[in-house]
Amino acid sequence: MTARASRPRSGCFGRLLLLLLFALLIAGAALFVRYQSFQQAPATPDGDPITFTIDAGATPAFVISKLNAEGRLRRSAFWQILIREHQTARCIKRGEHTLASDASSLDFLRLLCTDGGSKGDTFTVPEGWTRFHLARAMEQAHLGSRTDLVRATGNEGDAALRTFDGALRDSTEGLLFPDTYAVSLDQPRKTLITRMRNRFDEVWAEEATPERLADLKERYGLSPYEILILASLVEREAIVADERPRIAQVFYNRIKTRMRIQSDPTCAYGPATFDKQPTAAMCRDKASRFSTYLLPGLPPTPIAAIGRSSLRAALNPSGESDIFYFVAIADGSNRHRFAATLDEHNRNVRDYIDRSRQP
């Protein structure tokens, strides 16, 4: 009798499993159809021709992000899949490119790998790059050996480039300003690094006034270098400009209340992981010197090149004393939800997970 009673439950479970598999297959098929449609759809929002320049060192993701921000290219999460599928990062060509009015998304990606017209030799360092991104891109642009460039920006590099606020730092990370620089293939690699450092000094002097530094020291106990480290976390976390001061404030609030900072990008910082997505295993890696899930306070150095917007946000946080958490909304807007309590944050995380699972 017991055996007979168990059969219907087993059969019911099997049918539910089949229904779930069927639903997943339908969702996968729908996503595949949307992806195929995206490849053939017009690359620009209005179907207009666009002209853009790719500088030495620029990545496909950077070019797409820049054109998205300017409203000249369609926004879609499918771009990253398309880049990986066609390995565009390996063949991207610098120069001036013009995309025809009827060009598809796939046409745009192919154009990135076509020789462009000459606009002079320039090298672009995007905001949020690490020194390891920089070394790889400089090698690809024939501006030096990747290994030598990592050394030149690390603790084996020129002490003058690593000195900040009167102290010698572990590396030049955070001290090289992201911008577009004129270059020539015959210039020493140190010339570009020095110019990036000099540009950083100019921007820092413009933004980090003695009054601001003194105020942040009094309120949160942070030194100028620690503010710079915090600014690099903002750079790696924020996408939408108007959220940067709020994200900076979350970090300040956590520091003031002695909470762990728990910033995911710190988990993936390093020569072997700089271009990988952070994972739970990385954040729990006891050998890490940078994981803010394991270590109290800020990481030992900045984790990225810091643009003016993120630097300004770190120097001028929003002032909201009751926000301690944020998580992405997962609606394509690149925005975040902020929360004062863990319960509220957990609800936001569940919403993010639910939205992410939707086809």
Foldseek 3Di string as FASTA:
>chain_A
DVVVVCVVVVVVVVVVVVVVVVVVVVQVVVVVVVLVVQQQAAFAPQLAKDKDWDAQLDFPVNVQLVCVVVRGTDFDPSLVVLCVVVVLRVQFETAMFMDHSNDGNNNVSVRRNDHYHDPAHKHFFDFLAWQLSVLVRCVVVLQDHSVVSVCCFAQNHDQVLQDDPNDGAGGNTLQFATGMGHDDNPDHSVVNRVVRNVVSVVLCPVQVDPVLQVVCCVLQVDHPQLLSQLLLLLRNQADDLVCLLVLLLLQSLCSNVFHQLQRQQQLQADNVRNPDGGDPCSLVPPPRQRNSNPDTDHRRHHRTHGHSSSSNSSSPHPPDNQWNDWDAQLPSPRDIDTHRDPVVRVVSVVNNVVSVPRD
